Amino acid sequence: MCNFEHRKRLPVTSLIDFNCMHPPKFKYRGFGLNIGSDITIPELYPYDFDRVDVSIEAGPINDPWFENDTSRRISQQTDPGLFRLQIPNAGRYLVENGRRLQMEPWGFSNPTAFRMYGLTIAFSACLLQRNLALMHASGIVRSGSVFLFAGASGAGKSTMIARLMQHGHRIFSDDVCVFDGQMDAQGRYLAAPSYPLIKLDAESVDRFFPTMPRNKLWPDAEKFGIGFHDHFHTQPLPVKGIILLSKSPGIRQIQVEKLEGVKAFEALAACTYRPGLIKTLSQQESHARVISGLINQTKVFRILRPTQPDDGSSLMSAIVEWMDQIDQ
């Protein structure tokens, strides 16, 4: 686990460096890419490399679109190879051709929120510009492969990952996994983790990581980050199984359903991460190709659980039993 105690909350001006990005001041690994940055991004994994895939630059963005939008509201624009985003009291972001992300603090910017919006929304646009496929999924590592837990926000992915970590399982990624279409020798699709941070509410942090320093990620949301830098996988791993987590008000006990064919395709397609940012035919084709490959080479199940609160032990037992069966 990574300790956040050494990370001071700095004023926004301390985040900005107007120097050129050659060579980068800081080097990181995330989303399966080498990331060069002229600002420190403690949420990413420090990593040495020779070739930069994506550069992050902080400072004033010279683009007429931002100057013409004086509404001071959340807004974005997507053009081929270009993505613009502004979030009041956070930042302005410009993504170009999947290779360059410019970030400018805007208003009374919170440093952590400024970085997190860049790593979530803006970087997702960067990945899509590179025709990578994004899945809204968390995962754990087991026997050199990855088991993914997919589902919409609030489905319980992060909480289940935290519970599994508490019982000795190793986390792979939280919230998003990246696919570049590559496969291993057995024909299984390789997934790359996003960055070594699991995002939880205060209750889950108290329950699963009571001794860990908590880092609030957004001023207006009770989400806290717990780092796992010491256990981060810098390289992709093959996906061995996928569970779609879902709540159902009409059941009283956990139900497990195997998904195949069109049903599996539709279920995984619904777990696309930030689908609103997908604009081009090539981006749609990349996602369709990866989803088709996953359902052909990977076991996909849906676990329905009651909506009433419980301690989560029954769900975890069902998941561990499922993983045991696939590992046999």
C-alpha atoms as a PDB file:
ATOM      1  CA  MET A   1       0.000   0.000   0.000  1.00  0.00           C
ATOM      2  CA  CYS A   2       1.137   3.544  -0.689  1.00  0.00           C
ATOM      3  CA  ASN A   3       1.270   6.034   2.149  1.00  0.00           C
ATOM      4  CA  PHE A   4      -0.287   9.396   1.369  1.00  0.00           C
ATOM      5  CA  GLU A   5       1.095  11.126   4.457  1.00  0.00           C
ATOM      6  CA  HIS A   6       4.033  12.653   2.574  1.00  0.00           C
ATOM      7  CA  ARG A   7       1.764  14.357   0.049  1.00  0.00           C
ATOM      8  CA  LYS A   8       1.095  17.931   0.998  1.00  0.00           C
ATOM      9  CA  ARG A   9      -1.860  19.866  -0.342  1.00  0.00           C
ATOM     10  CA  LEU A  10      -0.123  22.559  -2.356  1.00  0.00           C
ATOM     11  CA  PRO A  11      -1.563  25.777  -3.755  1.00  0.00           C
ATOM     12  CA  VAL A  12      -2.569  25.588  -7.385  1.00  0.00           C
ATOM     13  CA  THR A  13       0.305  27.816  -8.510  1.00  0.00           C
ATOM     14  CA  SER A  14       2.782  25.213  -7.271  1.00  0.00           C
ATOM     15  CA  LEU A  15       1.331  22.709  -9.740  1.00  0.00           C
ATOM     16  CA  ILE A  16       2.215  24.755 -12.796  1.00  0.00           C
ATOM     17  CA  ASP A  17       5.478  24.521 -14.660  1.00  0.00           C
ATOM     18  CA  PHE A  18       5.747  26.298 -17.988  1.00  0.00           C
ATOM     19  CA  ASN A  19       8.822  24.430 -19.197  1.00  0.00           C
ATOM     20  CA  CYS A  20       8.777  22.215 -22.267  1.00  0.00           C
ATOM     21  CA  MET A  21       7.896  18.559 -21.931  1.00  0.00           C
ATOM     22  CA  HIS A  22      11.259  17.360 -23.359  1.00  0.00           C
ATOM     23  CA  PRO A  23      12.403  15.453 -21.445  1.00  0.00           C
ATOM     24  CA  PRO A  24       9.566  14.921 -18.936  1.00  0.00           C
ATOM     25  CA  LYS A  25      10.222  15.866 -15.334  1.00  0.00           C
ATOM     26  CA  PHE A  26       8.250  12.911 -14.033  1.00  0.00           C
ATOM     27  CA  LYS A  27       7.685   9.472 -15.514  1.00  0.00           C
ATOM     28  CA  TYR A  28       4.713   7.260 -14.724  1.00  0.00           C
ATOM     29  CA  ARG A  29       2.978   4.083 -15.853  1.00  0.00           C
ATOM     30  CA  GLY A  30      -0.781   3.932 -16.165  1.00  0.00           C
ATOM     31  CA  PHE A  31      -3.498   2.579 -18.464  1.00  0.00           C
ATOM     32  CA  GLY A  32      -0.863   0.379 -20.121  1.00  0.00           C
ATOM     33  CA  LEU A  33       1.065   3.471 -21.299  1.00  0.00           C
ATOM     34  CA  ASN A  34       4.249   5.390 -20.489  1.00  0.00           C
ATOM     35  CA  ILE A  35       3.212   8.820 -19.244  1.00  0.00           C
ATOM     36  CA  GLY A  36       5.572  11.774 -19.102  1.00  0.00           C
ATOM     37  CA  SER A  37       4.458  14.719 -16.978  1.00  0.00           C
ATOM     38  CA  ASP A  38       5.744  18.122 -15.945  1.00  0.00           C
ATOM     39  CA  ILE A  39       3.744  17.940 -12.698  1.00  0.00           C
ATOM     40  CA  THR A  40       3.773  15.374  -9.942  1.00  0.00           C
ATOM     41  CA  ILE A  41       0.805  13.012 -10.073  1.00  0.00           C
ATOM     42  CA  PRO A  42       0.954  10.872  -6.907  1.00  0.00           C
ATOM     43  CA  GLU A  43      -2.050   8.814  -8.029  1.00  0.00           C
ATOM     44  CA  LEU A  44       0.062   7.311 -10.839  1.00  0.00           C
ATOM     45  CA  TYR A  45       2.851   4.739 -10.566  1.00  0.00           C
ATOM     46  CA  PRO A  46       6.442   6.057 -10.924  1.00  0.00           C
ATOM     47  CA  TYR A  47       8.102   4.170 -13.757  1.00  0.00           C
ATOM     48  CA  ASP A  48      11.238   4.594 -15.843  1.00  0.00           C
ATOM     49  CA  PHE A  49      11.139   4.367 -19.644  1.00  0.00           C
ATOM     50  CA  ASP A  50      12.778   5.737 -22.788  1.00  0.00           C
ATOM     51  CA  ARG A  51       9.730   6.415 -24.973  1.00  0.00           C
ATOM     52  CA  VAL A  52       6.794   8.618 -23.952  1.00  0.00           C
ATOM     53  CA  ASP A  53       3.340   7.475 -25.099  1.00  0.00           C
ATOM     54  CA  VAL A  54       1.367  10.377 -23.592  1.00  0.00           C
ATOM     55  CA  SER A  55       2.630  13.712 -22.284  1.00  0.00           C
ATOM     56  CA  ILE A  56       0.861  15.729 -19.581  1.00  0.00           C
ATOM     57  CA  GLU A  57       1.516  19.456 -19.496  1.00  0.00           C
ATOM     58  CA  ALA A  58       0.198  21.988 -16.979  1.00  0.00           C
ATOM     59  CA  GLY A  59      -0.213  25.665 -17.709  1.00  0.00           C
ATOM     60  CA  PRO A  60      -2.355  28.116 -19.687  1.00  0.00           C
ATOM     61  CA  ILE A  61      -4.188  26.521 -22.612  1.00  0.00           C
ATOM     62  CA  ASN A  62      -4.158  28.635 -25.753  1.00  0.00           C
ATOM     63  CA  ASP A  63      -7.393  27.609 -27.421  1.00  0.00           C
ATOM     64  CA  PRO A  64     -10.238  29.928 -28.581  1.00  0.00           C
ATOM     65  CA  TRP A  65     -12.944  27.510 -27.461  1.00  0.00           C
ATOM     66  CA  PHE A  66     -12.145  28.096 -23.800  1.00  0.00           C
ATOM     67  CA  GLU A  67     -11.922  31.845 -24.278  1.00  0.00           C
ATOM     68  CA  ASN A  68     -15.318  31.976 -25.994  1.00  0.00           C
ATOM     69  CA  ASP A  69     -17.118  29.892 -23.336  1.00  0.00           C
ATOM     70  CA  THR A  70     -17.781  32.333 -20.499  1.00  0.00           C
ATOM     71  CA  SER A  71     -20.683  30.405 -18.948  1.00  0.00           C
ATOM     72  CA  ARG A  72     -18.588  29.031 -16.081  1.00  0.00           C
ATOM     73  CA  ARG A  73     -20.353  25.681 -16.300  1.00  0.00           C
ATOM     74  CA  ILE A  74     -19.252  22.119 -16.990  1.00  0.00           C
ATOM     75  CA  SER A  75     -18.897  21.760 -20.738  1.00  0.00           C
ATOM     76  CA  GLN A  76     -17.010  19.668 -23.258  1.00  0.00           C
ATOM     77  CA  GLN A  77     -16.469  19.354 -26.981  1.00  0.00           C
ATOM     78  CA  THR A  78     -15.239  16.415 -29.031  1.00  0.00           C
ATOM     79  CA  ASP A  79     -13.744  16.741 -32.501  1.00  0.00           C
ATOM     80  CA  PRO A  80     -11.655  14.180 -34.426  1.00  0.00           C
ATOM     81  CA  GLY A  81      -8.386  13.975 -32.520  1.00  0.00           C
ATOM     82  CA  LEU A  82      -9.350  16.805 -30.180  1.00  0.00           C
ATOM     83  CA  PHE A  83     -11.207  16.874 -26.850  1.00  0.00           C
ATOM     84  CA  ARG A  84     -11.936  19.932 -24.710  1.00  0.00           C
ATOM     85  CA  LEU A  85     -13.307  19.924 -21.166  1.00  0.00           C
ATOM     86  CA  GLN A  86     -13.827  22.574 -18.542  1.00  0.00           C
ATOM     87  CA  ILE A  87     -15.016  22.036 -14.983  1.00  0.00           C
ATOM     88  CA  PRO A  88     -15.573  25.089 -12.762  1.00  0.00           C
ATOM     89  CA  ASN A  89     -13.278  25.317  -9.741  1.00  0.00           C
ATOM     90  CA  ALA A  90     -11.250  22.413 -11.064  1.00  0.00           C
ATOM     91  CA  GLY A  91      -9.625  22.788 -14.447  1.00  0.00           C
ATOM     92  CA  ARG A  92      -9.604  23.076 -18.194  1.00  0.00           C
ATOM     93  CA  TYR A  93      -8.309  20.163 -20.247  1.00  0.00           C
ATOM     94  CA  LEU A  94      -7.269  19.792 -23.872  1.00  0.00           C
ATOM     95  CA  VAL A  95      -6.489  16.353 -25.358  1.00  0.00           C
ATOM     96  CA  GLU A  96      -4.819  16.036 -28.761  1.00  0.00           C
ATOM     97  CA  ASN A  97      -4.509  12.907 -30.913  1.00  0.00           C
ATOM     98  CA  GLY A  98      -4.147  10.536 -27.973  1.00  0.00           C
ATOM     99  CA  ARG A  99      -0.653  11.827 -27.248  1.00  0.00           C
ATOM    100  CA  ARG A 100      -0.910  15.130 -25.401  1.00  0.00           C
ATOM    101  CA  LEU A 101      -3.005  16.232 -22.416  1.00  0.00           C
ATOM    102  CA  GLN A 102      -2.858  19.886 -21.390  1.00  0.00           C
ATOM    103  CA  MET A 103      -4.257  20.786 -17.977  1.00  0.00           C
ATOM    104  CA  GLU A 104      -4.946  24.302 -16.699  1.00  0.00           C
ATOM    105  CA  PRO A 105      -6.243  24.975 -13.161  1.00  0.00           C
ATOM    106  CA  TRP A 106      -9.407  27.068 -13.361  1.00  0.00           C
ATOM    107  CA  GLY A 107     -11.017  29.033 -10.578  1.00  0.00           C
ATOM    108  CA  PHE A 108     -10.512  27.999  -6.961  1.00  0.00           C
ATOM    109  CA  SER A 109      -9.004  24.717  -8.057  1.00  0.00           C
ATOM    110  CA  ASN A 110      -8.546  21.885  -5.601  1.00  0.00           C
ATOM    111  CA  PRO A 111      -5.207  20.210  -6.519  1.00  0.00           C
ATOM    112  CA  THR A 112      -6.443  16.645  -6.022  1.00  0.00           C
ATOM    113  CA  ALA A 113      -9.695  17.223  -7.920  1.00  0.00           C
ATOM    114  CA  PHE A 114      -7.706  18.990 -10.664  1.00  0.00           C
ATOM    115  CA  ARG A 115      -5.607  15.858 -11.158  1.00  0.00           C
ATOM    116  CA  MET A 116      -8.470  13.378 -10.773  1.00  0.00           C
ATOM    117  CA  TYR A 117     -10.652  14.991 -13.434  1.00  0.00           C
ATOM    118  CA  GLY A 118      -7.616  14.818 -15.696  1.00  0.00           C
ATOM    119  CA  LEU A 119      -7.042  11.124 -14.934  1.00  0.00           C
ATOM    120  CA  THR A 120     -10.689  10.121 -15.284  1.00  0.00           C
ATOM    121  CA  ILE A 121     -12.548  12.133 -17.920  1.00  0.00           C
ATOM    122  CA  ALA A 122      -9.737  13.765 -19.914  1.00  0.00           C
ATOM    123  CA  PHE A 123      -7.468  10.733 -19.983  1.00  0.00           C
ATOM    124  CA  SER A 124     -10.388   8.537 -21.046  1.00  0.00           C
ATOM    125  CA  ALA A 125     -10.756  10.759 -24.104  1.00  0.00           C
ATOM    126  CA  CYS A 126      -7.019  10.365 -24.705  1.00  0.00           C
ATOM    127  CA  LEU A 127      -7.291   6.574 -24.586  1.00  0.00           C
ATOM    128  CA  LEU A 128     -10.269   6.565 -26.937  1.00  0.00           C
ATOM    129  CA  GLN A 129      -8.362   8.746 -29.397  1.00  0.00           C
ATOM    130  CA  ARG A 130      -5.803   5.908 -29.452  1.00  0.00           C
ATOM    131  CA  ASN A 131      -8.664   3.481 -30.304  1.00  0.00           C
ATOM    132  CA  LEU A 132      -8.276   1.599 -27.036  1.00  0.00           C
ATOM    133  CA  ALA A 133     -11.293  -0.122 -25.451  1.00  0.00           C
ATOM    134  CA  LEU A 134     -12.306   0.840 -21.907  1.00  0.00           C
ATOM    135  CA  MET A 135     -14.336  -1.316 -19.530  1.00  0.00           C
ATOM    136  CA  HIS A 136     -16.010  -0.087 -16.358  1.00  0.00           C
ATOM    137  CA  ALA A 137     -14.520  -2.855 -14.235  1.00  0.00           C
ATOM    138  CA  SER A 138     -12.370  -3.581 -11.209  1.00  0.00           C
ATOM    139  CA  GLY A 139     -10.230  -6.679 -10.926  1.00  0.00           C
ATOM    140  CA  ILE A 140      -8.003  -8.943  -8.874  1.00  0.00           C
ATOM    141  CA  VAL A 141      -4.988 -11.041  -9.832  1.00  0.00           C
ATOM    142  CA  ARG A 142      -5.102 -14.774  -9.344  1.00  0.00           C
ATOM    143  CA  SER A 143      -2.614 -17.340 -10.681  1.00  0.00           C
ATOM    144  CA  GLY A 144      -1.170 -14.871 -13.160  1.00  0.00           C
ATOM    145  CA  SER A 145      -4.552 -13.980 -14.659  1.00  0.00           C
ATOM    146  CA  VAL A 146      -7.213 -11.371 -13.979  1.00  0.00           C
ATOM    147  CA  PHE A 147     -10.783 -11.772 -12.782  1.00  0.00           C
ATOM    148  CA  LEU A 148     -12.847  -8.689 -13.560  1.00  0.00           C
ATOM    149  CA  PHE A 149     -15.907  -7.353 -11.751  1.00  0.00           C
ATOM    150  CA  ALA A 150     -17.902  -5.134 -14.072  1.00  0.00           C
ATOM    151  CA  GLY A 151     -21.018  -3.092 -13.581  1.00  0.00           C
ATOM    152  CA  ALA A 152     -22.481   0.376 -13.358  1.00  0.00           C
ATOM    153  CA  SER A 153     -21.501   2.888 -10.691  1.00  0.00           C
ATOM    154  CA  GLY A 154     -22.901   1.775  -7.338  1.00  0.00           C
ATOM    155  CA  ALA A 155     -22.892  -1.920  -8.256  1.00  0.00           C
ATOM    156  CA  GLY A 156     -20.347  -2.637  -5.516  1.00  0.00           C
ATOM    157  CA  LYS A 157     -17.186  -3.267  -7.562  1.00  0.00           C
ATOM    158  CA  SER A 158     -14.777  -1.289  -5.394  1.00  0.00           C
ATOM    159  CA  THR A 159     -16.299  -2.507  -2.140  1.00  0.00           C
ATOM    160  CA  MET A 160     -16.027  -6.118  -3.255  1.00  0.00           C
ATOM    161  CA  ILE A 161     -12.412  -5.589  -4.324  1.00  0.00           C
ATOM    162  CA  ALA A 162     -11.653  -4.086  -0.908  1.00  0.00           C
ATOM    163  CA  ARG A 163     -13.274  -7.073   0.808  1.00  0.00           C
ATOM    164  CA  LEU A 164     -11.268  -9.518  -1.309  1.00  0.00           C
ATOM    165  CA  MET A 165      -8.070  -7.579  -0.561  1.00  0.00           C
ATOM    166  CA  GLN A 166      -8.837  -7.900   3.141  1.00  0.00           C
ATOM    167  CA  HIS A 167      -8.904 -11.675   2.640  1.00  0.00           C
ATOM    168  CA  GLY A 168      -5.557 -11.873   0.900  1.00  0.00           C
ATOM    169  CA  HIS A 169      -6.379 -11.292  -2.767  1.00  0.00           C
ATOM    170  CA  ARG A 170      -4.242  -8.902  -4.820  1.00  0.00           C
ATOM    171  CA  ILE A 171      -5.929  -5.967  -6.530  1.00  0.00           C
ATOM    172  CA  PHE A 172      -5.365  -5.404 -10.254  1.00  0.00           C
ATOM    173  CA  SER A 173      -7.345  -2.243 -10.967  1.00  0.00           C
ATOM    174  CA  ASP A 174     -10.262  -0.231  -9.673  1.00  0.00           C
ATOM    175  CA  ASP A 175     -13.060   1.212 -11.795  1.00  0.00           C
ATOM    176  CA  VAL A 176     -11.516   0.924 -15.282  1.00  0.00           C
ATOM    177  CA  CYS A 177      -9.485  -1.566 -17.334  1.00  0.00           C
ATOM    178  CA  VAL A 178      -7.939  -0.881 -20.733  1.00  0.00           C
ATOM    179  CA  PHE A 179      -7.739  -3.196 -23.764  1.00  0.00           C
ATOM    180  CA  ASP A 180      -5.506  -2.596 -26.780  1.00  0.00           C
ATOM    181  CA  GLY A 181      -6.648  -5.735 -28.630  1.00  0.00           C
ATOM    182  CA  GLN A 182      -3.552  -7.783 -27.794  1.00  0.00           C
ATOM    183  CA  MET A 183      -3.893 -11.433 -26.706  1.00  0.00           C
ATOM    184  CA  ASP A 184      -1.670 -13.948 -24.948  1.00  0.00           C
ATOM    185  CA  ALA A 185      -0.497 -17.270 -26.414  1.00  0.00           C
ATOM    186  CA  GLN A 186      -3.772 -18.918 -25.361  1.00  0.00           C
ATOM    187  CA  GLY A 187      -5.877 -16.365 -27.212  1.00  0.00           C
ATOM    188  CA  ARG A 188      -7.052 -14.528 -24.093  1.00  0.00           C
ATOM    189  CA  TYR A 189      -7.410 -10.762 -24.245  1.00  0.00           C
ATOM    190  CA  LEU A 190      -4.917  -8.754 -22.197  1.00  0.00           C
ATOM    191  CA  ALA A 191      -6.169  -6.046 -19.849  1.00  0.00           C
ATOM    192  CA  ALA A 192      -4.112  -3.160 -18.484  1.00  0.00           C
ATOM    193  CA  PRO A 193      -4.845  -1.546 -15.089  1.00  0.00           C
ATOM    194  CA  SER A 194      -5.551   2.171 -14.857  1.00  0.00           C
ATOM    195  CA  TYR A 195      -3.616   3.466 -11.842  1.00  0.00           C
ATOM    196  CA  PRO A 196      -2.884   2.248  -8.285  1.00  0.00           C
ATOM    197  CA  LEU A 197      -5.774   3.862  -6.457  1.00  0.00           C
ATOM    198  CA  ILE A 198      -8.957   2.333  -5.102  1.00  0.00           C
ATOM    199  CA  LYS A 199     -11.822   4.776  -4.543  1.00  0.00           C
ATOM    200  CA  LEU A 200     -14.115   4.148  -1.572  1.00  0.00           C
ATOM    201  CA  ASP A 201     -16.596   5.972   0.624  1.00  0.00           C
ATOM    202  CA  ALA A 202     -15.719   6.808   4.229  1.00  0.00           C
ATOM    203  CA  GLU A 203     -17.614   3.822   5.659  1.00  0.00           C
ATOM    204  CA  SER A 204     -15.707   1.360   3.463  1.00  0.00           C
ATOM    205  CA  VAL A 205     -12.371   2.966   4.310  1.00  0.00           C
ATOM    206  CA  ASP A 206     -13.194   2.653   8.012  1.00  0.00           C
ATOM    207  CA  ARG A 207     -14.175  -0.982   7.559  1.00  0.00           C
ATOM    208  CA  PHE A 208     -11.396  -2.256   5.303  1.00  0.00           C
ATOM    209  CA  PHE A 209      -8.478   0.163   5.719  1.00  0.00           C
ATOM    210  CA  PRO A 210      -8.888   1.771   9.158  1.00  0.00           C
ATOM    211  CA  THR A 211      -5.153   2.423   9.606  1.00  0.00           C
ATOM    212  CA  MET A 212      -4.502   3.790   6.107  1.00  0.00           C
ATOM    213  CA  PRO A 213      -4.309   7.531   5.433  1.00  0.00           C
ATOM    214  CA  ARG A 214      -7.308   8.633   3.413  1.00  0.00           C
ATOM    215  CA  ASN A 215      -7.081  11.184   0.631  1.00  0.00           C
ATOM    216  CA  LYS A 216     -10.331  12.924  -0.337  1.00  0.00           C
ATOM    217  CA  LEU A 217     -10.528  12.995  -4.115  1.00  0.00           C
ATOM    218  CA  TRP A 218     -13.259  15.564  -4.828  1.00  0.00           C
ATOM    219  CA  PRO A 219     -14.457  18.390  -2.533  1.00  0.00           C
ATOM    220  CA  ASP A 220     -18.138  17.782  -3.312  1.00  0.00           C
ATOM    221  CA  ALA A 221     -18.155  13.968  -3.077  1.00  0.00           C
ATOM    222  CA  GLU A 222     -17.368  11.660  -0.166  1.00  0.00           C
ATOM    223  CA  LYS A 223     -14.883   9.532  -2.089  1.00  0.00           C
ATOM    224  CA  PHE A 224     -11.450   8.743  -0.701  1.00  0.00           C
ATOM    225  CA  GLY A 225      -8.401   7.245  -2.368  1.00  0.00           C
ATOM    226  CA  ILE A 226      -6.325   4.390  -0.968  1.00  0.00           C
ATOM    227  CA  GLY A 227      -3.103   3.701  -2.872  1.00  0.00           C
ATOM    228  CA  PHE A 228      -1.720   0.267  -3.716  1.00  0.00           C
ATOM    229  CA  HIS A 229       1.483   1.340  -5.467  1.00  0.00           C
ATOM    230  CA  ASP A 230       3.484  -1.510  -3.928  1.00  0.00           C
ATOM    231  CA  HIS A 231       1.273  -4.052  -5.715  1.00  0.00           C
ATOM    232  CA  PHE A 232       0.640  -2.332  -9.039  1.00  0.00           C
ATOM    233  CA  HIS A 233       1.014  -4.331 -12.252  1.00  0.00           C
ATOM    234  CA  THR A 234       2.821  -2.284 -14.873  1.00  0.00           C
ATOM    235  CA  GLN A 235       2.080  -4.755 -17.679  1.00  0.00           C
ATOM    236  CA  PRO A 236      -1.210  -6.206 -18.974  1.00  0.00           C
ATOM    237  CA  LEU A 237      -2.462  -9.601 -17.832  1.00  0.00           C
ATOM    238  CA  PRO A 238      -4.870 -12.066 -19.500  1.00  0.00           C
ATOM    239  CA  VAL A 239      -8.519 -11.989 -18.462  1.00  0.00           C
ATOM    240  CA  LYS A 240      -9.719 -15.347 -17.173  1.00  0.00           C
ATOM    241  CA  GLY A 241     -13.253 -14.532 -16.050  1.00  0.00           C
ATOM    242  CA  ILE A 242     -15.748 -11.674 -15.794  1.00  0.00           C
ATOM    243  CA  ILE A 243     -18.530 -11.197 -13.259  1.00  0.00           C
ATOM    244  CA  LEU A 244     -21.188  -8.548 -13.798  1.00  0.00           C
ATOM    245  CA  LEU A 245     -22.441  -7.308 -10.452  1.00  0.00           C
ATOM    246  CA  SER A 246     -26.036  -6.167 -10.229  1.00  0.00           C
ATOM    247  CA  LYS A 247     -28.675  -5.495  -7.581  1.00  0.00           C
ATOM    248  CA  SER A 248     -32.194  -6.830  -7.992  1.00  0.00           C
ATOM    249  CA  PRO A 249     -35.109  -5.749  -5.767  1.00  0.00           C
ATOM    250  CA  GLY A 250     -37.120  -8.846  -6.636  1.00  0.00           C
ATOM    251  CA  ILE A 251     -34.865 -11.522  -5.136  1.00  0.00           C
ATOM    252  CA  ARG A 252     -34.016 -12.614  -1.593  1.00  0.00           C
ATOM    253  CA  GLN A 253     -30.813 -14.508  -2.194  1.00  0.00           C
ATOM    254  CA  ILE A 254     -27.834 -14.339  -4.522  1.00  0.00           C
ATOM    255  CA  GLN A 255     -28.360 -15.745  -8.012  1.00  0.00           C
ATOM    256  CA  VAL A 256     -25.617 -16.649 -10.495  1.00  0.00           C
ATOM    257  CA  GLU A 257     -26.316 -16.706 -14.239  1.00  0.00           C
ATOM    258  CA  LYS A 258     -23.918 -17.686 -17.013  1.00  0.00           C
ATOM    259  CA  LEU A 259     -24.024 -15.321 -20.004  1.00  0.00           C
ATOM    260  CA  GLU A 260     -23.233 -16.309 -23.562  1.00  0.00           C
ATOM    261  CA  GLY A 261     -23.700 -15.027 -27.102  1.00  0.00           C
ATOM    262  CA  VAL A 262     -25.772 -11.915 -27.696  1.00  0.00           C
ATOM    263  CA  LYS A 263     -26.785 -11.698 -24.041  1.00  0.00           C
ATOM    264  CA  ALA A 264     -23.149 -11.608 -22.933  1.00  0.00           C
ATOM    265  CA  PHE A 265     -22.247  -9.098 -25.642  1.00  0.00           C
ATOM    266  CA  GLU A 266     -25.027  -6.712 -24.640  1.00  0.00           C
ATOM    267  CA  ALA A 267     -24.152  -7.024 -20.951  1.00  0.00           C
ATOM    268  CA  LEU A 268     -20.455  -6.252 -21.511  1.00  0.00           C
ATOM    269  CA  ALA A 269     -21.246  -3.455 -23.971  1.00  0.00           C
ATOM    270  CA  ALA A 270     -23.306  -1.829 -21.221  1.00  0.00           C
ATOM    271  CA  CYS A 271     -20.137  -1.787 -19.081  1.00  0.00           C
ATOM    272  CA  THR A 272     -18.206   0.415 -21.500  1.00  0.00           C
ATOM    273  CA  TYR A 273     -16.407   3.133 -19.553  1.00  0.00           C
ATOM    274  CA  ARG A 274     -17.555   6.660 -20.437  1.00  0.00           C
ATOM    275  CA  PRO A 275     -19.480   5.647 -23.576  1.00  0.00           C
ATOM    276  CA  GLY A 276     -20.492   9.266 -24.175  1.00  0.00           C
ATOM    277  CA  LEU A 277     -16.929   9.998 -25.254  1.00  0.00           C
ATOM    278  CA  ILE A 278     -17.049   7.415 -28.061  1.00  0.00           C
ATOM    279  CA  LYS A 279     -17.646   9.388 -31.251  1.00  0.00           C
ATOM    280  CA  THR A 280     -15.952   7.675 -34.188  1.00  0.00           C
ATOM    281  CA  LEU A 281     -16.620   4.461 -36.065  1.00  0.00           C
ATOM    282  CA  SER A 282     -13.100   3.197 -35.335  1.00  0.00           C
ATOM    283  CA  GLN A 283     -13.682   3.651 -31.598  1.00  0.00           C
ATOM    284  CA  GLN A 284     -16.952   1.721 -31.832  1.00  0.00           C
ATOM    285  CA  GLU A 285     -15.248  -1.031 -33.813  1.00  0.00           C
ATOM    286  CA  SER A 286     -12.425  -1.322 -31.262  1.00  0.00           C
ATOM    287  CA  HIS A 287     -14.888  -1.848 -28.427  1.00  0.00           C
ATOM    288  CA  ALA A 288     -17.015  -4.305 -30.405  1.00  0.00           C
ATOM    289  CA  ARG A 289     -13.947  -6.340 -31.360  1.00  0.00           C
ATOM    290  CA  VAL A 290     -12.698  -6.578 -27.774  1.00  0.00           C
ATOM    291  CA  ILE A 291     -16.135  -7.465 -26.386  1.00  0.00           C
ATOM    292  CA  SER A 292     -16.574 -10.187 -29.010  1.00  0.00           C
ATOM    293  CA  GLY A 293     -13.149 -11.597 -28.163  1.00  0.00           C
ATOM    294  CA  LEU A 294     -13.865 -11.571 -24.453  1.00  0.00           C
ATOM    295  CA  ILE A 295     -17.130 -13.505 -24.727  1.00  0.00           C
ATOM    296  CA  ASN A 296     -15.473 -16.050 -27.046  1.00  0.00           C
ATOM    297  CA  GLN A 297     -12.440 -16.700 -24.817  1.00  0.00           C
ATOM    298  CA  THR A 298     -13.642 -15.793 -21.297  1.00  0.00           C
ATOM    299  CA  LYS A 299     -16.315 -17.119 -18.971  1.00  0.00           C
ATOM    300  CA  VAL A 300     -18.887 -14.395 -18.261  1.00  0.00           C
ATOM    301  CA  PHE A 301     -21.375 -14.556 -15.382  1.00  0.00           C
ATOM    302  CA  ARG A 302     -23.906 -12.208 -13.852  1.00  0.00           C
ATOM    303  CA  ILE A 303     -24.415 -12.209 -10.097  1.00  0.00           C
ATOM    304  CA  LEU A 304     -27.692 -10.740  -8.898  1.00  0.00           C
ATOM    305  CA  ARG A 305     -27.946  -9.822  -5.251  1.00  0.00           C
ATOM    306  CA  PRO A 306     -30.766  -8.440  -3.104  1.00  0.00           C
ATOM    307  CA  THR A 307     -30.953  -4.685  -2.620  1.00  0.00           C
ATOM    308  CA  GLN A 308     -31.245  -4.884   1.152  1.00  0.00           C
ATOM    309  CA  PRO A 309     -27.961  -4.263   2.987  1.00  0.00           C
ATOM    310  CA  ASP A 310     -25.886  -7.181   4.267  1.00  0.00           C
ATOM    311  CA  ASP A 311     -22.339  -7.750   5.419  1.00  0.00           C
ATOM    312  CA  GLY A 312     -21.214  -8.825   1.937  1.00  0.00           C
ATOM    313  CA  SER A 313     -19.898 -12.192   3.094  1.00  0.00           C
ATOM    314  CA  SER A 314     -22.433 -14.188   1.051  1.00  0.00           C
ATOM    315  CA  LEU A 315     -21.540 -12.330  -2.130  1.00  0.00           C
ATOM    316  CA  MET A 316     -17.829 -12.773  -1.531  1.00  0.00           C
ATOM    317  CA  SER A 317     -18.298 -16.489  -0.888  1.00  0.00           C
ATOM    318  CA  ALA A 318     -20.191 -16.847  -4.176  1.00  0.00           C
ATOM    319  CA  ILE A 319     -17.445 -14.997  -6.044  1.00  0.00           C
ATOM    320  CA  VAL A 320     -14.606 -17.010  -4.489  1.00  0.00           C
ATOM    321  CA  GLU A 321     -16.465 -20.256  -5.259  1.00  0.00           C
ATOM    322  CA  TRP A 322     -16.887 -19.117  -8.879  1.00  0.00           C
ATOM    323  CA  MET A 323     -13.190 -18.301  -9.211  1.00  0.00           C
ATOM    324  CA  ASP A 324     -12.238 -21.649  -7.685  1.00  0.00           C
ATOM    325  CA  GLN A 325     -14.335 -23.494 -10.265  1.00  0.00           C
ATOM    326  CA  ILE A 326     -12.746 -21.607 -13.173  1.00  0.00           C
ATOM    327  CA  ASP A 327      -9.234 -22.192 -11.806  1.00  0.00           C
ATOM    328  CA  GLN A 328      -9.753 -25.950 -11.682  1.00  0.00           C
END
